[in-house]
Full PDB file with SEQRES, HELIX, SHEET, SSBOND, CRYST1, ORIGX, SCALE, CONECT and MASTER records, all heavy atoms in Angstrom:
SEQRES   1 A   30  SER ALA ILE GLU LEU PHE PHE HIS TRP ILE LEU THR CYS          
SEQRES   2 A   30  LEU ILE TRP LEU LYS ASN VAL MET ALA PHE SER VAL LYS          
SEQRES   3 A   30  THR LEU ILE GLN                                              
HELIX    1 AA1 ALA A    2  ILE A   29  1                                  28    
CRYST1    1.000    1.000    1.000  90.00  90.00  90.00 P 1           1          
ORIGX1      1.000000  0.000000  0.000000        0.00000                         
ORIGX2      0.000000  1.000000  0.000000        0.00000                         
ORIGX3      0.000000  0.000000  1.000000        0.00000                         
SCALE1      1.000000  0.000000  0.000000        0.00000                         
SCALE2      0.000000  1.000000  0.000000        0.00000                         
SCALE3      0.000000  0.000000  1.000000        0.00000                         
ATOM      1  N   SER A   1       0.830  -1.210   0.000  1.00  0.00           N  
ATOM      2  CA  SER A   1       0.000   0.000   0.000  1.00  0.00           C  
ATOM      3  C   SER A   1       0.860   1.253   0.000  1.00  0.00           C  
ATOM      4  O   SER A   1       0.545   2.232  -0.699  1.00  0.00           O  
ATOM      5  CB  SER A   1      -0.926  -0.009   1.219  1.00  0.00           C  
ATOM      6  OG  SER A   1      -1.804  -1.110   1.181  1.00  0.00           O  
ATOM      7  N   ALA A   2       1.966   1.217   0.760  1.00  0.00           N  
ATOM      8  CA  ALA A   2       2.857   2.376   0.792  1.00  0.00           C  
ATOM      9  C   ALA A   2       3.515   2.600  -0.565  1.00  0.00           C  
ATOM     10  O   ALA A   2       3.644   3.748  -1.020  1.00  0.00           O  
ATOM     11  CB  ALA A   2       3.923   2.178   1.877  1.00  0.00           C  
ATOM     12  N   ILE A   3       3.910   1.509  -1.220  1.00  0.00           N  
ATOM     13  CA  ILE A   3       4.518   1.628  -2.556  1.00  0.00           C  
ATOM     14  C   ILE A   3       3.499   2.162  -3.559  1.00  0.00           C  
ATOM     15  O   ILE A   3       3.813   3.043  -4.377  1.00  0.00           O  
ATOM     16  CB  ILE A   3       5.067   0.264  -3.009  1.00  0.00           C  
ATOM     17  CG1 ILE A   3       6.246  -0.149  -2.121  1.00  0.00           C  
ATOM     18  CG2 ILE A   3       5.504   0.313  -4.468  1.00  0.00           C  
ATOM     19  CD1 ILE A   3       6.769  -1.544  -2.401  1.00  0.00           C  
ATOM     20  N   GLU A   4       2.279   1.620  -3.491  1.00  0.00           N  
ATOM     21  CA  GLU A   4       1.219   2.110  -4.396  1.00  0.00           C  
ATOM     22  C   GLU A   4       0.945   3.582  -4.157  1.00  0.00           C  
ATOM     23  O   GLU A   4       0.751   4.351  -5.113  1.00  0.00           O  
ATOM     24  CB  GLU A   4      -0.046   1.287  -4.196  1.00  0.00           C  
ATOM     25  CG  GLU A   4       0.052  -0.142  -4.708  1.00  0.00           C  
ATOM     26  CD  GLU A   4      -1.214  -0.925  -4.448  1.00  0.00           C  
ATOM     27  OE1 GLU A   4      -2.066  -0.418  -3.674  1.00  0.00           O  
ATOM     28  OE2 GLU A   4      -1.367  -2.032  -5.002  1.00  0.00           O  
ATOM     29  N   LEU A   5       0.920   3.999  -2.884  1.00  0.00           N  
ATOM     30  CA  LEU A   5       0.683   5.404  -2.560  1.00  0.00           C  
ATOM     31  C   LEU A   5       1.827   6.276  -3.083  1.00  0.00           C  
ATOM     32  O   LEU A   5       1.597   7.370  -3.604  1.00  0.00           O  
ATOM     33  CB  LEU A   5       0.540   5.557  -1.049  1.00  0.00           C  
ATOM     34  CG  LEU A   5       0.203   6.958  -0.533  1.00  0.00           C  
ATOM     35  CD1 LEU A   5      -1.158   7.404  -1.059  1.00  0.00           C  
ATOM     36  CD2 LEU A   5       0.205   6.985   0.995  1.00  0.00           C  
ATOM     37  N   PHE A   6       3.063   5.774  -2.966  1.00  0.00           N  
ATOM     38  CA  PHE A   6       4.220   6.533  -3.447  1.00  0.00           C  
ATOM     39  C   PHE A   6       4.151   6.724  -4.957  1.00  0.00           C  
ATOM     40  O   PHE A   6       4.335   7.842  -5.462  1.00  0.00           O  
ATOM     41  CB  PHE A   6       5.507   5.806  -3.054  1.00  0.00           C  
ATOM     42  CG  PHE A   6       6.749   6.421  -3.632  1.00  0.00           C  
ATOM     43  CD1 PHE A   6       7.255   7.600  -3.127  1.00  0.00           C  
ATOM     44  CD2 PHE A   6       7.412   5.813  -4.706  1.00  0.00           C  
ATOM     45  CE1 PHE A   6       8.408   8.171  -3.671  1.00  0.00           C  
ATOM     46  CE2 PHE A   6       8.554   6.373  -5.242  1.00  0.00           C  
ATOM     47  CZ  PHE A   6       9.055   7.561  -4.732  1.00  0.00           C  
ATOM     48  N   PHE A   7       3.883   5.637  -5.685  1.00  0.00           N  
ATOM     49  CA  PHE A   7       3.795   5.746  -7.146  1.00  0.00           C  
ATOM     50  C   PHE A   7       2.594   6.586  -7.576  1.00  0.00           C  
ATOM     51  O   PHE A   7       2.652   7.273  -8.599  1.00  0.00           O  
ATOM     52  CB  PHE A   7       3.736   4.357  -7.771  1.00  0.00           C  
ATOM     53  CG  PHE A   7       5.079   3.700  -7.904  1.00  0.00           C  
ATOM     54  CD1 PHE A   7       5.457   2.666  -7.053  1.00  0.00           C  
ATOM     55  CD2 PHE A   7       5.987   4.108  -8.868  1.00  0.00           C  
ATOM     56  CE1 PHE A   7       6.701   2.066  -7.168  1.00  0.00           C  
ATOM     57  CE2 PHE A   7       7.231   3.514  -8.995  1.00  0.00           C  
ATOM     58  CZ  PHE A   7       7.593   2.499  -8.138  1.00  0.00           C  
ATOM     59  N   HIS A   8       1.530   6.510  -6.808  1.00  0.00           N  
ATOM     60  CA  HIS A   8       0.379   7.369  -7.116  1.00  0.00           C  
ATOM     61  C   HIS A   8       0.755   8.837  -6.952  1.00  0.00           C  
ATOM     62  O   HIS A   8       0.367   9.687  -7.771  1.00  0.00           O  
ATOM     63  CB  HIS A   8      -0.784   7.014  -6.186  1.00  0.00           C  
ATOM     64  CG  HIS A   8      -1.988   7.887  -6.366  1.00  0.00           C  
ATOM     65  ND1 HIS A   8      -2.824   7.780  -7.455  1.00  0.00           N  
ATOM     66  CD2 HIS A   8      -2.490   8.895  -5.599  1.00  0.00           C  
ATOM     67  CE1 HIS A   8      -3.794   8.664  -7.358  1.00  0.00           C  
ATOM     68  NE2 HIS A   8      -3.609   9.367  -6.245  1.00  0.00           N  
ATOM     69  N   TRP A   9       1.539   9.134  -5.903  1.00  0.00           N  
ATOM     70  CA  TRP A   9       1.989  10.506  -5.701  1.00  0.00           C  
ATOM     71  C   TRP A   9       2.924  10.938  -6.823  1.00  0.00           C  
ATOM     72  O   TRP A   9       2.821  12.065  -7.328  1.00  0.00           O  
ATOM     73  CB  TRP A   9       2.700  10.599  -4.347  1.00  0.00           C  
ATOM     74  CG  TRP A   9       3.213  11.966  -4.034  1.00  0.00           C  
ATOM     75  CD1 TRP A   9       2.513  13.028  -3.549  1.00  0.00           C  
ATOM     76  CD2 TRP A   9       4.561  12.409  -4.200  1.00  0.00           C  
ATOM     77  NE1 TRP A   9       3.331  14.115  -3.394  1.00  0.00           N  
ATOM     78  CE2 TRP A   9       4.610  13.775  -3.787  1.00  0.00           C  
ATOM     79  CE3 TRP A   9       5.737  11.808  -4.637  1.00  0.00           C  
ATOM     80  CZ2 TRP A   9       5.765  14.523  -3.809  1.00  0.00           C  
ATOM     81  CZ3 TRP A   9       6.905  12.558  -4.656  1.00  0.00           C  
ATOM     82  CH2 TRP A   9       6.924  13.894  -4.247  1.00  0.00           C  
ATOM     83  N   ILE A  10       3.849  10.043  -7.232  1.00  0.00           N  
ATOM     84  CA  ILE A  10       4.766  10.357  -8.339  1.00  0.00           C  
ATOM     85  C   ILE A  10       3.977  10.606  -9.625  1.00  0.00           C  
ATOM     86  O   ILE A  10       4.249  11.553 -10.375  1.00  0.00           O  
ATOM     87  CB  ILE A  10       5.775   9.206  -8.543  1.00  0.00           C  
ATOM     88  CG1 ILE A  10       6.733   9.110  -7.341  1.00  0.00           C  
ATOM     89  CG2 ILE A  10       6.567   9.396  -9.838  1.00  0.00           C  
ATOM     90  CD1 ILE A  10       7.656  10.295  -7.199  1.00  0.00           C  
ATOM     91  N   LEU A  11       3.008   9.733  -9.903  1.00  0.00           N  
ATOM     92  CA  LEU A  11       2.197   9.887 -11.111  1.00  0.00           C  
ATOM     93  C   LEU A  11       1.425  11.200 -11.093  1.00  0.00           C  
ATOM     94  O   LEU A  11       1.327  11.898 -12.117  1.00  0.00           O  
ATOM     95  CB  LEU A  11       1.243   8.701 -11.236  1.00  0.00           C  
ATOM     96  CG  LEU A  11       0.347   8.671 -12.486  1.00  0.00           C  
ATOM     97  CD1 LEU A  11       1.202   8.615 -13.751  1.00  0.00           C  
ATOM     98  CD2 LEU A  11      -0.604   7.485 -12.443  1.00  0.00           C  
ATOM     99  N   THR A  12       0.887  11.551  -9.924  1.00  0.00           N  
ATOM    100  CA  THR A  12       0.156  12.817  -9.806  1.00  0.00           C  
ATOM    101  C   THR A  12       1.080  13.997 -10.074  1.00  0.00           C  
ATOM    102  O   THR A  12       0.704  14.953 -10.775  1.00  0.00           O  
ATOM    103  CB  THR A  12      -0.458  12.935  -8.401  1.00  0.00           C  
ATOM    104  OG1 THR A  12      -1.310  11.809  -8.149  1.00  0.00           O  
ATOM    105  CG2 THR A  12      -1.272  14.212  -8.273  1.00  0.00           C  
ATOM    106  N   CYS A  13       2.297  13.932  -9.546  1.00  0.00           N  
ATOM    107  CA  CYS A  13       3.272  15.015  -9.779  1.00  0.00           C  
ATOM    108  C   CYS A  13       3.657  15.118 -11.258  1.00  0.00           C  
ATOM    109  O   CYS A  13       3.774  16.217 -11.808  1.00  0.00           O  
ATOM    110  CB  CYS A  13       4.515  14.793  -8.927  1.00  0.00           C  
ATOM    111  SG  CYS A  13       4.237  14.986  -7.156  1.00  0.00           S  
ATOM    112  N   LEU A  14       3.832  13.950 -11.903  1.00  0.00           N  
ATOM    113  CA  LEU A  14       4.193  13.961 -13.318  1.00  0.00           C  
ATOM    114  C   LEU A  14       3.073  14.540 -14.176  1.00  0.00           C  
ATOM    115  O   LEU A  14       3.319  15.304 -15.116  1.00  0.00           O  
ATOM    116  CB  LEU A  14       4.538  12.537 -13.778  1.00  0.00           C  
ATOM    117  CG  LEU A  14       5.843  11.950 -13.226  1.00  0.00           C  
ATOM    118  CD1 LEU A  14       5.996  10.502 -13.668  1.00  0.00           C  
ATOM    119  CD2 LEU A  14       7.049  12.773 -13.688  1.00  0.00           C  
ATOM    120  N   ILE A  15       1.845  14.152 -13.846  1.00  0.00           N  
ATOM    121  CA  ILE A  15       0.713  14.702 -14.596  1.00  0.00           C  
ATOM    122  C   ILE A  15       0.629  16.203 -14.400  1.00  0.00           C  
ATOM    123  O   ILE A  15       0.388  16.971 -15.350  1.00  0.00           O  
ATOM    124  CB  ILE A  15      -0.593  14.006 -14.156  1.00  0.00           C  
ATOM    125  CG1 ILE A  15      -0.572  12.529 -14.572  1.00  0.00           C  
ATOM    126  CG2 ILE A  15      -1.808  14.709 -14.747  1.00  0.00           C  
ATOM    127  CD1 ILE A  15      -1.766  11.731 -14.064  1.00  0.00           C  
ATOM    128  N   TRP A  16       0.835  16.650 -13.134  1.00  0.00           N  
ATOM    129  CA  TRP A  16       0.797  18.086 -12.863  1.00  0.00           C  
ATOM    130  C   TRP A  16       1.915  18.797 -13.619  1.00  0.00           C  
ATOM    131  O   TRP A  16       1.703  19.860 -14.213  1.00  0.00           O  
ATOM    132  CB  TRP A  16       0.943  18.306 -11.361  1.00  0.00           C  
ATOM    133  CG  TRP A  16       1.002  19.760 -10.977  1.00  0.00           C  
ATOM    134  CD1 TRP A  16      -0.038  20.618 -10.813  1.00  0.00           C  
ATOM    135  CD2 TRP A  16       2.196  20.520 -10.728  1.00  0.00           C  
ATOM    136  NE1 TRP A  16       0.412  21.861 -10.472  1.00  0.00           N  
ATOM    137  CE2 TRP A  16       1.786  21.837 -10.414  1.00  0.00           C  
ATOM    138  CE3 TRP A  16       3.555  20.206 -10.746  1.00  0.00           C  
ATOM    139  CZ2 TRP A  16       2.694  22.840 -10.103  1.00  0.00           C  
ATOM    140  CZ3 TRP A  16       4.466  21.207 -10.435  1.00  0.00           C  
ATOM    141  CH2 TRP A  16       4.036  22.503 -10.123  1.00  0.00           C  
ATOM    142  N   LEU A  17       3.123  18.207 -13.618  1.00  0.00           N  
ATOM    143  CA  LEU A  17       4.257  18.817 -14.312  1.00  0.00           C  
ATOM    144  C   LEU A  17       4.014  18.864 -15.819  1.00  0.00           C  
ATOM    145  O   LEU A  17       4.338  19.857 -16.491  1.00  0.00           O  
ATOM    146  CB  LEU A  17       5.530  18.031 -14.008  1.00  0.00           C  
ATOM    147  CG  LEU A  17       6.840  18.586 -14.574  1.00  0.00           C  
ATOM    148  CD1 LEU A  17       7.110  19.976 -14.011  1.00  0.00           C  
ATOM    149  CD2 LEU A  17       8.000  17.653 -14.259  1.00  0.00           C  
ATOM    150  N   LYS A  18       3.416  17.783 -16.349  1.00  0.00           N  
ATOM    151  CA  LYS A  18       3.117  17.752 -17.772  1.00  0.00           C  
ATOM    152  C   LYS A  18       2.130  18.850 -18.143  1.00  0.00           C  
ATOM    153  O   LYS A  18       2.299  19.549 -19.163  1.00  0.00           O  
ATOM    154  CB  LYS A  18       2.548  16.384 -18.144  1.00  0.00           C  
ATOM    155  CG  LYS A  18       2.105  16.276 -19.595  1.00  0.00           C  
ATOM    156  CD  LYS A  18       1.408  14.949 -19.856  1.00  0.00           C  
ATOM    157  CE  LYS A  18       0.851  14.906 -21.280  1.00  0.00           C  
ATOM    158  NZ  LYS A  18       0.088  13.646 -21.528  1.00  0.00           N  
ATOM    159  N   ASN A  19       1.102  19.025 -17.326  1.00  0.00           N  
ATOM    160  CA  ASN A  19       0.109  20.064 -17.599  1.00  0.00           C  
ATOM    161  C   ASN A  19       0.721  21.455 -17.521  1.00  0.00           C  
ATOM    162  O   ASN A  19       0.410  22.340 -18.330  1.00  0.00           O  
ATOM    163  CB  ASN A  19      -1.057  19.950 -16.608  1.00  0.00           C  
ATOM    164  CG  ASN A  19      -1.870  18.689 -16.818  1.00  0.00           C  
ATOM    165  OD1 ASN A  19      -1.916  18.137 -17.919  1.00  0.00           O  
ATOM    166  ND2 ASN A  19      -2.534  18.218 -15.774  1.00  0.00           N  
ATOM    167  N   VAL A  20       1.625  21.648 -16.549  1.00  0.00           N  
ATOM    168  CA  VAL A  20       2.271  22.953 -16.411  1.00  0.00           C  
ATOM    169  C   VAL A  20       3.154  23.241 -17.627  1.00  0.00           C  
ATOM    170  O   VAL A  20       3.141  24.339 -18.191  1.00  0.00           O  
ATOM    171  CB  VAL A  20       3.102  22.994 -15.110  1.00  0.00           C  
ATOM    172  CG1 VAL A  20       3.992  24.239 -15.083  1.00  0.00           C  
ATOM    173  CG2 VAL A  20       2.191  22.976 -13.905  1.00  0.00           C  
ATOM    174  N   MET A  21       3.912  22.222 -18.043  1.00  0.00           N  
ATOM    175  CA  MET A  21       4.794  22.408 -19.198  1.00  0.00           C  
ATOM    176  C   MET A  21       3.991  22.627 -20.471  1.00  0.00           C  
ATOM    177  O   MET A  21       4.347  23.476 -21.305  1.00  0.00           O  
ATOM    178  CB  MET A  21       5.705  21.196 -19.353  1.00  0.00           C  
ATOM    179  CG  MET A  21       6.729  21.046 -18.234  1.00  0.00           C  
ATOM    180  SD  MET A  21       7.786  19.617 -18.464  1.00  0.00           S  
ATOM    181  CE  MET A  21       8.642  20.077 -19.974  1.00  0.00           C  
ATOM    182  N   ALA A  22       2.915  21.866 -20.639  1.00  0.00           N  
ATOM    183  CA  ALA A  22       2.083  22.038 -21.835  1.00  0.00           C  
ATOM    184  C   ALA A  22       1.476  23.426 -21.868  1.00  0.00           C  
ATOM    185  O   ALA A  22       1.428  24.080 -22.923  1.00  0.00           O  
ATOM    186  CB  ALA A  22       0.992  20.969 -21.856  1.00  0.00           C  
ATOM    187  N   PHE A  23       1.037  23.899 -20.688  1.00  0.00           N  
ATOM    188  CA  PHE A  23       0.459  25.241 -20.621  1.00  0.00           C  
ATOM    189  C   PHE A  23       1.523  26.296 -20.936  1.00  0.00           C  
ATOM    190  O   PHE A  23       1.252  27.273 -21.633  1.00  0.00           O  
ATOM    191  CB  PHE A  23      -0.131  25.471 -19.229  1.00  0.00           C  
ATOM    192  CG  PHE A  23      -0.674  26.846 -19.020  1.00  0.00           C  
ATOM    193  CD1 PHE A  23      -1.912  27.211 -19.538  1.00  0.00           C  
ATOM    194  CD2 PHE A  23       0.062  27.791 -18.306  1.00  0.00           C  
ATOM    195  CE1 PHE A  23      -2.398  28.490 -19.351  1.00  0.00           C  
ATOM    196  CE2 PHE A  23      -0.435  29.062 -18.120  1.00  0.00           C  
ATOM    197  CZ  PHE A  23      -1.664  29.420 -18.642  1.00  0.00           C  
ATOM    198  N   SER A  24       2.748  26.081 -20.415  1.00  0.00           N  
ATOM    199  CA  SER A  24       3.825  27.055 -20.643  1.00  0.00           C  
ATOM    200  C   SER A  24       4.212  27.104 -22.116  1.00  0.00           C  
ATOM    201  O   SER A  24       4.396  28.196 -22.682  1.00  0.00           O  
ATOM    202  CB  SER A  24       5.046  26.682 -19.797  1.00  0.00           C  
ATOM    203  OG  SER A  24       4.707  26.651 -18.427  1.00  0.00           O  
ATOM    204  N   VAL A  25       4.355  25.927 -22.752  1.00  0.00           N  
ATOM    205  CA  VAL A  25       4.718  25.888 -24.170  1.00  0.00           C  
ATOM    206  C   VAL A  25       3.635  26.536 -25.020  1.00  0.00           C  
ATOM    207  O   VAL A  25       3.916  27.304 -25.953  1.00  0.00           O  
ATOM    208  CB  VAL A  25       4.960  24.428 -24.617  1.00  0.00           C  
ATOM    209  CG1 VAL A  25       5.120  24.344 -26.128  1.00  0.00           C  
ATOM    210  CG2 VAL A  25       6.188  23.860 -23.918  1.00  0.00           C  
ATOM    211  N   LYS A  26       2.382  26.234 -24.686  1.00  0.00           N  
ATOM    212  CA  LYS A  26       1.270  26.817 -25.443  1.00  0.00           C  
ATOM    213  C   LYS A  26       1.254  28.329 -25.294  1.00  0.00           C  
ATOM    214  O   LYS A  26       1.019  29.072 -26.260  1.00  0.00           O  
ATOM    215  CB  LYS A  26      -0.053  26.219 -24.949  1.00  0.00           C  
ATOM    216  CG  LYS A  26      -1.268  26.687 -25.727  1.00  0.00           C  
ATOM    217  CD  LYS A  26      -2.534  26.011 -25.208  1.00  0.00           C  
ATOM    218  CE  LYS A  26      -3.753  26.491 -25.981  1.00  0.00           C  
ATOM    219  NZ  LYS A  26      -5.002  25.862 -25.457  1.00  0.00           N  
ATOM    220  N   THR A  27       1.544  28.792 -24.066  1.00  0.00           N  
ATOM    221  CA  THR A  27       1.568  30.238 -23.828  1.00  0.00           C  
ATOM    222  C   THR A  27       2.712  30.891 -24.598  1.00  0.00           C  
ATOM    223  O   THR A  27       2.546  31.968 -25.192  1.00  0.00           O  
ATOM    224  CB  THR A  27       1.728  30.510 -22.321  1.00  0.00           C  
ATOM    225  OG1 THR A  27       0.678  29.854 -21.612  1.00  0.00           O  
ATOM    226  CG2 THR A  27       1.695  32.000 -22.036  1.00  0.00           C  
ATOM    227  N   LEU A  28       3.896  30.242 -24.627  1.00  0.00           N  
ATOM    228  CA  LEU A  28       5.039  30.786 -25.360  1.00  0.00           C  
ATOM    229  C   LEU A  28       4.760  30.843 -26.855  1.00  0.00           C  
ATOM    230  O   LEU A  28       5.134  31.795 -27.545  1.00  0.00           O  
ATOM    231  CB  LEU A  28       6.280  29.944 -25.081  1.00  0.00           C  
ATOM    232  CG  LEU A  28       6.866  30.045 -23.661  1.00  0.00           C  
ATOM    233  CD1 LEU A  28       8.011  29.059 -23.492  1.00  0.00           C  
ATOM    234  CD2 LEU A  28       7.337  31.470 -23.391  1.00  0.00           C  
ATOM    235  N   ILE A  29       4.110  29.795 -27.399  1.00  0.00           N  
ATOM    236  CA  ILE A  29       3.782  29.791 -28.830  1.00  0.00           C  
ATOM    237  C   ILE A  29       2.836  30.933 -29.159  1.00  0.00           C  
ATOM    238  O   ILE A  29       2.992  31.633 -30.175  1.00  0.00           O  
ATOM    239  CB  ILE A  29       3.172  28.435 -29.223  1.00  0.00           C  
ATOM    240  CG1 ILE A  29       4.245  27.333 -29.115  1.00  0.00           C  
ATOM    241  CG2 ILE A  29       2.587  28.494 -30.629  1.00  0.00           C  
ATOM    242  CD1 ILE A  29       3.699  25.943 -29.371  1.00  0.00           C  
ATOM    243  N   GLN A  30       1.839  31.147 -28.273  1.00  0.00           N  
ATOM    244  CA  GLN A  30       0.890  32.232 -28.518  1.00  0.00           C  
ATOM    245  C   GLN A  30       1.590  33.585 -28.447  1.00  0.00           C  
ATOM    246  O   GLN A  30       1.329  34.475 -29.265  1.00  0.00           O  
ATOM    247  CB  GLN A  30      -0.235  32.163 -27.496  1.00  0.00           C  
ATOM    248  CG  GLN A  30      -1.169  30.970 -27.692  1.00  0.00           C  
ATOM    249  CD  GLN A  30      -2.237  30.901 -26.607  1.00  0.00           C  
ATOM    250  OE1 GLN A  30      -2.156  31.593 -25.605  1.00  0.00           O  
ATOM    251  NE2 GLN A  30      -3.237  30.067 -26.839  1.00  0.00           N  
TER     252      GLN A  30                                                      
MASTER        0    0    0    1    0    0    0    6  251    1    0    3          
END                                                                             
């Protein structure tokens, strides 16, 4: 359960980072 929680936290951070980067790139292109 602790490992699953850790990977869930990592996945959540990666998704958040991906969204931030996608938003930043889109903003720079505009």
